[in-house]
Protein backbone atom coordinates (compact mmCIF):
# COMPACT_ATOMS: atom_id res chain seq x y z
CA MET A 1 0.00 0.00 0.00
CA ALA A 2 1.36 3.42 -0.92
CA SER A 3 1.71 5.98 1.87
CA ASP A 4 -0.78 8.31 0.16
CA ASP A 5 -3.64 5.77 0.26
CA TRP A 6 -6.49 6.70 2.61
CA HIS A 7 -9.22 4.48 4.05
CA LEU A 8 -12.68 5.70 5.01
CA VAL A 9 -13.26 4.01 8.37
CA ALA A 10 -16.06 5.98 10.06
CA ALA A 11 -18.70 8.62 9.53
CA GLU A 12 -17.68 12.10 10.65
CA ASP A 13 -20.39 12.27 13.33
CA ALA A 14 -19.05 9.09 15.02
CA LEU A 15 -16.26 11.23 16.49
CA ALA A 16 -18.12 14.53 16.93
CA LYS A 17 -17.96 14.76 20.74
CA ASP A 18 -14.86 15.37 22.86
CA GLY A 19 -13.65 12.02 24.18
CA ALA A 20 -15.37 10.00 21.44
CA ARG A 21 -13.50 6.82 20.60
CA ILE A 22 -14.04 4.08 18.04
CA HIS A 23 -12.09 0.97 17.13
CA VAL A 24 -11.72 -0.04 13.50
CA ALA A 25 -9.85 -2.58 11.40
CA VAL A 26 -7.77 -1.34 8.48
CA GLU A 27 -6.42 -4.17 6.40
CA ALA A 28 -4.78 -6.39 9.07
CA ARG A 29 -4.38 -3.68 11.76
CA HIS A 30 -6.62 -2.67 14.64
CA ILE A 31 -6.73 1.10 14.99
CA THR A 32 -8.33 3.31 17.65
CA LEU A 33 -9.60 6.74 16.63
CA VAL A 34 -10.14 9.27 19.40
CA ARG A 35 -11.21 12.91 19.60
CA VAL A 36 -9.51 15.10 22.19
CA GLY A 37 -10.88 18.63 22.03
CA SER A 38 -10.75 19.73 18.41
CA ARG A 39 -8.12 17.17 17.39
CA LEU A 40 -8.55 13.65 16.01
CA TYR A 41 -5.91 10.99 16.64
CA ALA A 42 -5.35 7.49 15.28
CA VAL A 43 -3.28 5.00 17.25
CA ASP A 44 -2.59 1.29 17.00
CA SER A 45 -5.07 -0.44 19.31
CA VAL A 46 -2.42 -2.92 20.45
CA CYS A 47 0.45 -1.72 22.66
CA TYR A 48 3.84 -2.27 21.06
CA HIS A 49 5.37 -3.09 24.44
CA ALA A 50 3.56 -6.31 25.31
CA GLY A 51 0.41 -6.52 23.18
CA GLY A 52 -1.90 -4.90 25.73
CA PRO A 53 -5.22 -3.25 24.80
CA LEU A 54 -3.79 0.23 24.21
CA GLY A 55 -6.97 1.44 22.53
CA ALA A 56 -8.86 0.99 25.81
CA GLY A 57 -6.41 3.12 27.79
CA ASN A 58 -7.09 6.46 29.47
CA ILE A 59 -6.26 9.67 27.63
CA GLU A 60 -3.98 11.92 29.70
CA ASP A 61 -2.00 15.11 29.26
CA ILE A 62 1.57 15.22 30.54
CA VAL A 63 3.97 18.16 30.65
CA VAL A 64 7.48 17.65 29.27
CA ASP A 65 9.85 20.63 29.09
CA ASP A 66 6.91 23.07 29.43
CA GLU A 67 5.06 21.38 26.55
CA THR A 68 1.76 19.58 27.07
CA LEU A 69 1.57 16.21 25.31
CA THR A 70 -1.62 14.24 24.88
CA CYS A 71 -1.01 10.54 25.61
CA ILE A 72 -2.84 7.26 25.98
CA ARG A 73 -1.98 5.03 28.95
CA CYS A 74 -1.74 1.28 28.33
CA PRO A 75 -3.94 -0.48 30.91
CA TRP A 76 -1.51 -3.41 31.32
CA HIS A 77 1.82 -1.79 32.24
CA HIS A 78 0.81 1.88 32.39
CA TYR A 79 3.11 2.97 29.57
CA LEU A 80 2.23 6.45 28.31
CA ILE A 81 2.26 6.67 24.51
CA SER A 82 2.08 10.06 22.77
CA LEU A 83 -0.95 10.37 20.50
CA ILE A 84 1.02 12.86 18.42
CA ASP A 85 4.01 10.74 17.42
CA GLY A 86 3.77 7.37 19.22
CA GLU A 87 6.74 8.07 21.48
CA LYS A 88 6.79 6.23 24.81
CA TRP A 89 7.02 8.32 27.99
CA VAL A 90 8.10 6.75 31.26
CA GLU A 91 6.50 8.03 34.42
CA ILE A 92 8.38 7.57 37.67
CA LEU A 93 5.89 6.20 40.18
C-alpha cells in the first residue's frame, strides 16, 4: 500500500464529541480513533510493548519541558504513549 492511500473508516459524526472513541480494522491492523478537544488521533489499538489493549487506555495530558503532550496510557503496564508521534514516555511512580 502506498503511503498516500487513505481508508474511510467511520462517519464524521461518530467522532463529533470530545472524548469520542471508536475501534476499527484497516487491512490487518486494529486502529483506535479518538477525539480530544478539536483534534482527532489514530493509534494502533495494540500496545507495542507487550500486546496490551492500548486502545482501551485512558487519555492523559503530561507536561514535558513546558510542553503539554496528549497521551494514551496502556492499561496493562501503564506505559504512556504520545498520541502525536507514538513516542513512549516513562513516568516515575
